[in-house]
Amino acid sequence: MFGTSAGLAVAFFDWSDDSTGLFMVGVTLVLLGSLAATGTVAAALRHRSESGPA
């Protein structure tokens, strides 16, 4: 789960050419947002697998 979020954050960090340093705010938001999204999907899939087949 963390690997996906870290990969997105590194890609976003590498993509930026901002000299003010504010791009780090964006990198942090990408990291937190992707962690929240992948955590939600992982929790939903875990719940679905524990519930058994539909």
Protein backbone atom coordinates (compact mmCIF):
# COMPACT_ATOMS: atom_id res chain seq x y z
CA MET A 1 0.00 0.00 0.00
CA PHE A 2 2.75 2.45 0.90
CA GLY A 3 4.74 1.59 -2.22
CA THR A 4 2.05 2.92 -4.52
CA SER A 5 1.75 6.16 -2.57
CA ALA A 6 5.51 6.61 -2.38
CA GLY A 7 5.86 5.99 -6.11
CA LEU A 8 3.26 8.63 -6.92
CA ALA A 9 4.89 11.13 -4.57
CA VAL A 10 8.35 10.53 -6.06
CA ALA A 11 6.99 10.89 -9.59
CA PHE A 12 5.22 14.11 -8.64
CA PHE A 13 8.38 15.41 -6.94
CA ASP A 14 10.48 14.64 -10.00
CA TRP A 15 7.93 16.26 -12.34
CA SER A 16 7.94 19.63 -10.58
CA ASP A 17 10.15 22.52 -11.70
CA ASP A 18 8.97 25.03 -9.08
CA SER A 19 11.78 27.05 -7.53
CA THR A 20 9.74 28.44 -4.62
CA GLY A 21 9.57 25.19 -2.69
CA LEU A 22 5.78 25.20 -2.60
CA PHE A 23 5.74 22.08 -4.70
CA MET A 24 6.48 20.19 -1.48
CA VAL A 25 2.97 21.08 -0.32
CA GLY A 26 1.67 19.42 -3.46
CA VAL A 27 3.89 16.38 -2.97
CA THR A 28 2.65 16.05 0.60
CA LEU A 29 -0.98 16.32 -0.53
CA VAL A 30 -0.42 13.71 -3.25
CA LEU A 31 1.17 11.39 -0.69
CA LEU A 32 -1.62 11.82 1.86
CA GLY A 33 -4.38 11.57 -0.74
CA SER A 34 -2.98 8.45 -2.33
CA LEU A 35 -2.46 6.87 1.10
CA ALA A 36 -6.09 7.59 1.96
CA ALA A 37 -7.33 6.23 -1.36
CA THR A 38 -5.25 3.05 -1.32
CA GLY A 39 -6.10 2.50 2.34
CA THR A 40 -9.80 2.79 1.60
CA VAL A 41 -9.61 0.39 -1.32
CA ALA A 42 -7.51 -2.08 0.68
CA ALA A 43 -9.98 -1.98 3.58
CA ALA A 44 -12.93 -2.47 1.23
CA LEU A 45 -11.24 -5.41 -0.48
CA ARG A 46 -10.29 -6.98 2.85
CA HIS A 47 -13.86 -6.62 4.09
CA ARG A 48 -15.18 -8.13 0.87
CA SER A 49 -12.81 -11.10 1.06
CA GLU A 50 -13.74 -11.78 4.71
CA SER A 51 -17.45 -11.69 3.84
CA GLY A 52 -17.06 -14.60 1.45
CA PRO A 53 -18.28 -14.98 -2.12
CA ALA A 54 -21.40 -13.10 -3.10
